[in-house]
């Protein structure tokens, strides 16, 4: 089933309880010759995209949100 996955990217926060699991899954996909990119977000915490809101957001996480959007756009260009 992992071979059938479309191209994927894992944006993994440095401080994340699921970090090691994401690396393990990404490496499994790569070993099966799948297309996967693992991006380590330095100095970010789990759920960093939820921290960027207009009302009570953390301004530093805006960079993470912008990077996420760039990666989504690139993935959608691959799938076309």
PDB file of N, CA and C in Angstrom:
ATOM      1  N   UNK A   1       0.821  -1.194   0.000  1.00  0.00           N
ATOM      2  CA  UNK A   1       0.000   0.000   0.000  1.00  0.00           C
ATOM      3  C   UNK A   1       0.865   1.258   0.000  1.00  0.00           C
ATOM      4  N   UNK A   2       2.023   1.206   0.642  1.00  0.00           N
ATOM      5  CA  UNK A   2       2.874   2.388   0.678  1.00  0.00           C
ATOM      6  C   UNK A   2       3.411   2.746  -0.698  1.00  0.00           C
ATOM      7  N   UNK A   3       3.618   1.747  -1.548  1.00  0.00           N
ATOM      8  CA  UNK A   3       4.099   2.013  -2.909  1.00  0.00           C
ATOM      9  C   UNK A   3       3.079   2.798  -3.729  1.00  0.00           C
ATOM     10  N   UNK A   4       1.811   2.679  -3.380  1.00  0.00           N
ATOM     11  CA  UNK A   4       0.748   3.315  -4.148  1.00  0.00           C
ATOM     12  C   UNK A   4       0.466   4.755  -3.708  1.00  0.00           C
ATOM     13  N   UNK A   5       1.119   5.216  -2.654  1.00  0.00           N
ATOM     14  CA  UNK A   5       0.882   6.577  -2.189  1.00  0.00           C
ATOM     15  C   UNK A   5       1.320   7.595  -3.236  1.00  0.00           C
ATOM     16  N   UNK A   6       0.600   8.677  -3.370  1.00  0.00           N
ATOM     17  CA  UNK A   6       1.062   9.749  -4.260  1.00  0.00           C
ATOM     18  C   UNK A   6       2.283  10.421  -3.624  1.00  0.00           C
ATOM     19  N   UNK A   7       2.966  11.295  -4.348  1.00  0.00           N
ATOM     20  CA  UNK A   7       4.099  12.008  -3.758  1.00  0.00           C
ATOM     21  C   UNK A   7       3.667  12.701  -2.462  1.00  0.00           C
ATOM     22  N   UNK A   8       4.512  12.597  -1.435  1.00  0.00           N
ATOM     23  CA  UNK A   8       4.138  13.184  -0.146  1.00  0.00           C
ATOM     24  C   UNK A   8       5.330  13.886   0.492  1.00  0.00           C
ATOM     25  N   UNK A   9       5.004  14.790   1.395  1.00  0.00           N
ATOM     26  CA  UNK A   9       6.002  15.508   2.182  1.00  0.00           C
ATOM     27  C   UNK A   9       5.569  15.460   3.637  1.00  0.00           C
ATOM     28  N   UNK A  10       6.533  15.178   4.499  1.00  0.00           N
ATOM     29  CA  UNK A  10       6.273  15.200   5.931  1.00  0.00           C
ATOM     30  C   UNK A  10       6.991  16.404   6.519  1.00  0.00           C
ATOM     31  N   UNK A  11       6.231  17.344   7.039  1.00  0.00           N
ATOM     32  CA  UNK A  11       6.818  18.488   7.736  1.00  0.00           C
ATOM     33  C   UNK A  11       6.797  18.143   9.214  1.00  0.00           C
ATOM     34  N   UNK A  12       7.967  17.842   9.748  1.00  0.00           N
ATOM     35  CA  UNK A  12       8.094  17.329  11.104  1.00  0.00           C
ATOM     36  C   UNK A  12       8.674  18.420  11.994  1.00  0.00           C
ATOM     37  N   UNK A  13       7.966  18.734  13.065  1.00  0.00           N
ATOM     38  CA  UNK A  13       8.471  19.712  14.025  1.00  0.00           C
ATOM     39  C   UNK A  13       9.585  19.086  14.851  1.00  0.00           C
ATOM     40  N   UNK A  14      10.561  19.902  15.204  1.00  0.00           N
ATOM     41  CA  UNK A  14      11.681  19.401  15.995  1.00  0.00           C
ATOM     42  C   UNK A  14      11.211  18.927  17.376  1.00  0.00           C
ATOM     43  N   UNK A  15      10.265  19.650  17.960  1.00  0.00           N
ATOM     44  CA  UNK A  15       9.725  19.283  19.268  1.00  0.00           C
ATOM     45  C   UNK A  15       8.340  18.677  19.033  1.00  0.00           C
ATOM     46  N   UNK A  16       8.324  17.389  18.746  1.00  0.00           N
ATOM     47  CA  UNK A  16       7.084  16.721  18.372  1.00  0.00           C
ATOM     48  C   UNK A  16       7.127  15.283  18.868  1.00  0.00           C
ATOM     49  N   UNK A  17       6.085  14.865  19.539  1.00  0.00           N
ATOM     50  CA  UNK A  17       6.046  13.490  20.039  1.00  0.00           C
ATOM     51  C   UNK A  17       5.965  12.468  18.896  1.00  0.00           C
ATOM     52  N   UNK A  18       5.579  12.889  17.708  1.00  0.00           N
ATOM     53  CA  UNK A  18       5.461  11.986  16.555  1.00  0.00           C
ATOM     54  C   UNK A  18       6.640  12.102  15.589  1.00  0.00           C
ATOM     55  N   UNK A  19       7.663  12.862  15.953  1.00  0.00           N
ATOM     56  CA  UNK A  19       8.798  13.110  15.058  1.00  0.00           C
ATOM     57  C   UNK A  19       9.448  11.814  14.589  1.00  0.00           C
ATOM     58  N   UNK A  20       9.795  10.942  15.522  1.00  0.00           N
ATOM     59  CA  UNK A  20      10.490   9.708  15.148  1.00  0.00           C
ATOM     60  C   UNK A  20       9.618   8.802  14.287  1.00  0.00           C
ATOM     61  N   UNK A  21       8.324   8.773  14.564  1.00  0.00           N
ATOM     62  CA  UNK A  21       7.399   7.966  13.754  1.00  0.00           C
ATOM     63  C   UNK A  21       7.308   8.504  12.325  1.00  0.00           C
ATOM     64  N   UNK A  22       7.319   9.825  12.183  1.00  0.00           N
ATOM     65  CA  UNK A  22       7.258  10.418  10.846  1.00  0.00           C
ATOM     66  C   UNK A  22       8.511  10.078  10.049  1.00  0.00           C
ATOM     67  N   UNK A  23       9.677  10.151  10.700  1.00  0.00           N
ATOM     68  CA  UNK A  23      10.913   9.775  10.010  1.00  0.00           C
ATOM     69  C   UNK A  23      10.880   8.302   9.602  1.00  0.00           C
ATOM     70  N   UNK A  24      10.409   7.453  10.477  1.00  0.00           N
ATOM     71  CA  UNK A  24      10.347   6.023  10.186  1.00  0.00           C
ATOM     72  C   UNK A  24       9.434   5.751   8.988  1.00  0.00           C
ATOM     73  N   UNK A  25       8.273   6.397   8.969  1.00  0.00           N
ATOM     74  CA  UNK A  25       7.338   6.205   7.852  1.00  0.00           C
ATOM     75  C   UNK A  25       7.925   6.743   6.542  1.00  0.00           C
ATOM     76  N   UNK A  26       8.528   7.909   6.607  1.00  0.00           N
ATOM     77  CA  UNK A  26       9.140   8.477   5.410  1.00  0.00           C
ATOM     78  C   UNK A  26      10.250   7.609   4.853  1.00  0.00           C
ATOM     79  N   UNK A  27      11.064   7.064   5.727  1.00  0.00           N
ATOM     80  CA  UNK A  27      12.150   6.191   5.275  1.00  0.00           C
ATOM     81  C   UNK A  27      11.617   4.891   4.684  1.00  0.00           C
ATOM     82  N   UNK A  28      10.524   4.380   5.235  1.00  0.00           N
ATOM     83  CA  UNK A  28       9.907   3.167   4.659  1.00  0.00           C
ATOM     84  C   UNK A  28       9.426   3.431   3.237  1.00  0.00           C
ATOM     85  N   UNK A  29       8.816   4.597   3.025  1.00  0.00           N
ATOM     86  CA  UNK A  29       8.337   4.947   1.683  1.00  0.00           C
ATOM     87  C   UNK A  29       9.523   5.073   0.724  1.00  0.00           C
ATOM     88  N   UNK A  30      10.593   5.722   1.169  1.00  0.00           N
ATOM     89  CA  UNK A  30      11.773   5.896   0.312  1.00  0.00           C
ATOM     90  C   UNK A  30      12.419   4.561  -0.028  1.00  0.00           C
ATOM     91  N   UNK A  31      12.469   3.644   0.930  1.00  0.00           N
ATOM     92  CA  UNK A  31      13.061   2.326   0.668  1.00  0.00           C
ATOM     93  C   UNK A  31      12.258   1.545  -0.361  1.00  0.00           C
ATOM     94  N   UNK A  32      10.961   1.824  -0.441  1.00  0.00           N
ATOM     95  CA  UNK A  32      10.106   1.158  -1.429  1.00  0.00           C
ATOM     96  C   UNK A  32      10.089   1.897  -2.764  1.00  0.00           C
ATOM     97  N   UNK A  33      11.012   2.842  -2.925  1.00  0.00           N
ATOM     98  CA  UNK A  33      11.145   3.636  -4.150  1.00  0.00           C
ATOM     99  C   UNK A  33       9.975   4.589  -4.366  1.00  0.00           C
ATOM    100  N   UNK A  34       9.326   4.976  -3.281  1.00  0.00           N
ATOM    101  CA  UNK A  34       8.256   5.965  -3.372  1.00  0.00           C
ATOM    102  C   UNK A  34       8.834   7.379  -3.359  1.00  0.00           C
ATOM    103  N   UNK A  35       7.993   8.348  -3.602  1.00  0.00           N
ATOM    104  CA  UNK A  35       8.412   9.751  -3.614  1.00  0.00           C
ATOM    105  C   UNK A  35       7.984  10.384  -2.298  1.00  0.00           C
ATOM    106  N   UNK A  36       8.951  10.691  -1.450  1.00  0.00           N
ATOM    107  CA  UNK A  36       8.650  11.266  -0.140  1.00  0.00           C
ATOM    108  C   UNK A  36       9.771  12.229   0.233  1.00  0.00           C
ATOM    109  N   UNK A  37       9.379  13.365   0.774  1.00  0.00           N
ATOM    110  CA  UNK A  37      10.349  14.331   1.273  1.00  0.00           C
ATOM    111  C   UNK A  37      10.049  14.572   2.748  1.00  0.00           C
ATOM    112  N   UNK A  38      11.086  14.541   3.572  1.00  0.00           N
ATOM    113  CA  UNK A  38      10.942  14.781   5.005  1.00  0.00           C
ATOM    114  C   UNK A  38      11.577  16.130   5.310  1.00  0.00           C
ATOM    115  N   UNK A  39      10.795  17.032   5.883  1.00  0.00           N
ATOM    116  CA  UNK A  39      11.263  18.381   6.173  1.00  0.00           C
ATOM    117  C   UNK A  39      11.235  18.580   7.681  1.00  0.00           C
ATOM    118  N   UNK A  40      12.405  18.809   8.273  1.00  0.00           N
ATOM    119  CA  UNK A  40      12.494  19.034   9.711  1.00  0.00           C
ATOM    120  C   UNK A  40      12.358  20.532   9.970  1.00  0.00           C
ATOM    121  N   UNK A  41      11.355  20.887  10.746  1.00  0.00           N
ATOM    122  CA  UNK A  41      11.100  22.285  11.098  1.00  0.00           C
ATOM    123  C   UNK A  41      11.805  22.590  12.415  1.00  0.00           C
ATOM    124  N   UNK A  42      12.974  23.215  12.327  1.00  0.00           N
ATOM    125  CA  UNK A  42      13.769  23.554  13.513  1.00  0.00           C
ATOM    126  C   UNK A  42      13.032  24.551  14.384  1.00  0.00           C
ATOM    127  N   UNK A  43      13.115  24.366  15.689  1.00  0.00           N
ATOM    128  CA  UNK A  43      12.547  25.285  16.693  1.00  0.00           C
ATOM    129  C   UNK A  43      11.031  25.398  16.621  1.00  0.00           C
ATOM    130  N   UNK A  44      10.362  24.430  16.020  1.00  0.00           N
ATOM    131  CA  UNK A  44       8.902  24.426  15.969  1.00  0.00           C
ATOM    132  C   UNK A  44       8.374  23.315  16.868  1.00  0.00           C
ATOM    133  N   UNK A  45       7.125  23.463  17.300  1.00  0.00           N
ATOM    134  CA  UNK A  45       6.494  22.453  18.128  1.00  0.00           C
ATOM    135  C   UNK A  45       5.371  21.774  17.344  1.00  0.00           C
ATOM    136  N   UNK A  46       4.917  20.637  17.860  1.00  0.00           N
ATOM    137  CA  UNK A  46       3.807  19.904  17.248  1.00  0.00           C
ATOM    138  C   UNK A  46       2.590  20.826  17.112  1.00  0.00           C
ATOM    139  N   UNK A  47       1.980  20.827  15.964  1.00  0.00           N
ATOM    140  CA  UNK A  47       0.793  21.651  15.737  1.00  0.00           C
ATOM    141  C   UNK A  47       1.108  23.102  15.442  1.00  0.00           C
ATOM    142  N   UNK A  48       2.299  23.379  14.917  1.00  0.00           N
ATOM    143  CA  UNK A  48       2.702  24.762  14.702  1.00  0.00           C
ATOM    144  C   UNK A  48       1.795  25.520  13.745  1.00  0.00           C
ATOM    145  N   UNK A  49       1.167  24.825  12.806  1.00  0.00           N
ATOM    146  CA  UNK A  49       0.255  25.523  11.884  1.00  0.00           C
ATOM    147  C   UNK A  49      -0.993  26.042  12.602  1.00  0.00           C
ATOM    148  N   UNK A  50      -1.346  25.428  13.707  1.00  0.00           N
ATOM    149  CA  UNK A  50      -2.497  25.896  14.471  1.00  0.00           C
ATOM    150  C   UNK A  50      -2.167  27.111  15.329  1.00  0.00           C
ATOM    151  N   UNK A  51      -0.898  27.429  15.468  1.00  0.00           N
ATOM    152  CA  UNK A  51      -0.491  28.561  16.308  1.00  0.00           C
ATOM    153  C   UNK A  51      -0.538  29.887  15.553  1.00  0.00           C
ATOM    154  N   UNK A  52      -0.735  29.840  14.269  1.00  0.00           N
ATOM    155  CA  UNK A  52      -0.736  31.047  13.439  1.00  0.00           C
ATOM    156  C   UNK A  52      -2.177  31.455  13.157  1.00  0.00           C
ATOM    157  N   UNK A  53      -2.752  32.247  14.039  1.00  0.00           N
ATOM    158  CA  UNK A  53      -4.108  32.746  13.845  1.00  0.00           C
ATOM    159  C   UNK A  53      -4.099  34.263  13.894  1.00  0.00           C
ATOM    160  N   UNK A  54      -5.140  34.876  13.410  1.00  0.00           N
ATOM    161  CA  UNK A  54      -5.207  36.340  13.373  1.00  0.00           C
ATOM    162  C   UNK A  54      -5.395  36.960  14.751  1.00  0.00           C
ATOM    163  N   UNK A  55      -5.955  36.232  15.690  1.00  0.00           N
ATOM    164  CA  UNK A  55      -6.319  36.828  16.976  1.00  0.00           C
ATOM    165  C   UNK A  55      -5.276  36.599  18.059  1.00  0.00           C
ATOM    166  N   UNK A  56      -4.896  35.377  18.287  1.00  0.00           N
ATOM    167  CA  UNK A  56      -3.958  35.074  19.363  1.00  0.00           C
ATOM    168  C   UNK A  56      -2.770  34.258  18.856  1.00  0.00           C
ATOM    169  N   UNK A  57      -2.423  34.412  17.618  1.00  0.00           N
ATOM    170  CA  UNK A  57      -1.354  33.614  17.032  1.00  0.00           C
ATOM    171  C   UNK A  57       0.023  34.074  17.452  1.00  0.00           C
ATOM    172  N   UNK A  58       0.979  33.212  17.226  1.00  0.00           N
ATOM    173  CA  UNK A  58       2.379  33.522  17.497  1.00  0.00           C
ATOM    174  C   UNK A  58       3.010  33.922  16.169  1.00  0.00           C
ATOM    175  N   UNK A  59       3.521  35.133  16.093  1.00  0.00           N
ATOM    176  CA  UNK A  59       4.025  35.659  14.813  1.00  0.00           C
ATOM    177  C   UNK A  59       5.135  34.810  14.205  1.00  0.00           C
ATOM    178  N   UNK A  60       5.966  34.184  15.037  1.00  0.00           N
ATOM    179  CA  UNK A  60       7.071  33.370  14.515  1.00  0.00           C
ATOM    180  C   UNK A  60       6.571  32.179  13.707  1.00  0.00           C
ATOM    181  N   UNK A  61       5.364  31.733  14.002  1.00  0.00           N
ATOM    182  CA  UNK A  61       4.828  30.564  13.287  1.00  0.00           C
ATOM    183  C   UNK A  61       4.259  30.919  11.921  1.00  0.00           C
ATOM    184  N   UNK A  62       4.185  32.193  11.599  1.00  0.00           N
ATOM    185  CA  UNK A  62       3.734  32.600  10.260  1.00  0.00           C
ATOM    186  C   UNK A  62       4.671  32.040   9.200  1.00  0.00           C
ATOM    187  N   UNK A  63       5.973  31.995   9.503  1.00  0.00           N
ATOM    188  CA  UNK A  63       6.960  31.440   8.570  1.00  0.00           C
ATOM    189  C   UNK A  63       6.655  29.965   8.293  1.00  0.00           C
ATOM    190  N   UNK A  64       6.289  29.212   9.322  1.00  0.00           N
ATOM    191  CA  UNK A  64       5.937  27.804   9.147  1.00  0.00           C
ATOM    192  C   UNK A  64       4.701  27.624   8.292  1.00  0.00           C
ATOM    193  N   UNK A  65       3.714  28.495   8.488  1.00  0.00           N
ATOM    194  CA  UNK A  65       2.489  28.436   7.678  1.00  0.00           C
ATOM    195  C   UNK A  65       2.807  28.742   6.222  1.00  0.00           C
ATOM    196  N   UNK A  66       3.641  29.743   5.987  1.00  0.00           N
ATOM    197  CA  UNK A  66       4.006  30.090   4.608  1.00  0.00           C
ATOM    198  C   UNK A  66       4.780  28.964   3.939  1.00  0.00           C
ATOM    199  N   UNK A  67       5.677  28.308   4.681  1.00  0.00           N
ATOM    200  CA  UNK A  67       6.408  27.157   4.121  1.00  0.00           C
ATOM    201  C   UNK A  67       5.459  26.005   3.802  1.00  0.00           C
ATOM    202  N   UNK A  68       4.491  25.776   4.673  1.00  0.00           N
ATOM    203  CA  UNK A  68       3.506  24.722   4.433  1.00  0.00           C
ATOM    204  C   UNK A  68       2.739  24.997   3.145  1.00  0.00           C
ATOM    205  N   UNK A  69       2.326  26.231   2.947  1.00  0.00           N
ATOM    206  CA  UNK A  69       1.599  26.588   1.725  1.00  0.00           C
ATOM    207  C   UNK A  69       2.456  26.389   0.481  1.00  0.00           C
ATOM    208  N   UNK A  70       3.728  26.761   0.564  1.00  0.00           N
ATOM    209  CA  UNK A  70       4.625  26.554  -0.580  1.00  0.00           C
ATOM    210  C   UNK A  70       4.752  25.069  -0.918  1.00  0.00           C
ATOM    211  N   UNK A  71       4.865  24.232   0.104  1.00  0.00           N
ATOM    212  CA  UNK A  71       5.004  22.795  -0.138  1.00  0.00           C
ATOM    213  C   UNK A  71       3.716  22.190  -0.695  1.00  0.00           C
ATOM    214  N   UNK A  72       2.559  22.666  -0.231  1.00  0.00           N
ATOM    215  CA  UNK A  72       1.287  22.195  -0.803  1.00  0.00           C
ATOM    216  C   UNK A  72       1.202  22.560  -2.284  1.00  0.00           C
ATOM    217  N   UNK A  73       1.573  23.775  -2.608  1.00  0.00           N
ATOM    218  CA  UNK A  73       1.530  24.195  -4.026  1.00  0.00           C
ATOM    219  C   UNK A  73       2.442  23.319  -4.880  1.00  0.00           C
ATOM    220  N   UNK A  74       3.633  23.035  -4.387  1.00  0.00           N
ATOM    221  CA  UNK A  74       4.572  22.194  -5.134  1.00  0.00           C
ATOM    222  C   UNK A  74       4.031  20.776  -5.307  1.00  0.00           C
ATOM    223  N   UNK A  75       3.398  20.235  -4.266  1.00  0.00           N
ATOM    224  CA  UNK A  75       2.828  18.900  -4.384  1.00  0.00           C
ATOM    225  C   UNK A  75       1.692  18.851  -5.395  1.00  0.00           C
ATOM    226  N   UNK A  76       0.848  19.870  -5.384  1.00  0.00           N
ATOM    227  CA  UNK A  76      -0.265  19.887  -6.334  1.00  0.00           C
ATOM    228  C   UNK A  76       0.244  20.029  -7.761  1.00  0.00           C
ATOM    229  N   UNK A  77       1.376  20.688  -7.969  1.00  0.00           N
ATOM    230  CA  UNK A  77       1.963  20.767  -9.297  1.00  0.00           C
ATOM    231  C   UNK A  77       2.489  19.397  -9.737  1.00  0.00           C
ATOM    232  N   UNK A  78       2.995  18.591  -8.789  1.00  0.00           N
ATOM    233  CA  UNK A  78       3.471  17.247  -9.122  1.00  0.00           C
ATOM    234  C   UNK A  78       2.346  16.308  -9.533  1.00  0.00           C
ATOM    235  N   UNK A  79       1.180  16.481  -8.929  1.00  0.00           N
ATOM    236  CA  UNK A  79       0.073  15.551  -9.130  1.00  0.00           C
ATOM    237  C   UNK A  79      -0.696  15.851 -10.411  1.00  0.00           C
ATOM    238  N   UNK A  80      -0.631  17.073 -10.899  1.00  0.00           N
ATOM    239  CA  UNK A  80      -1.403  17.451 -12.098  1.00  0.00           C
ATOM    240  C   UNK A  80      -1.225  16.505 -13.242  1.00  0.00           C
TER     241      UNK A  80
END
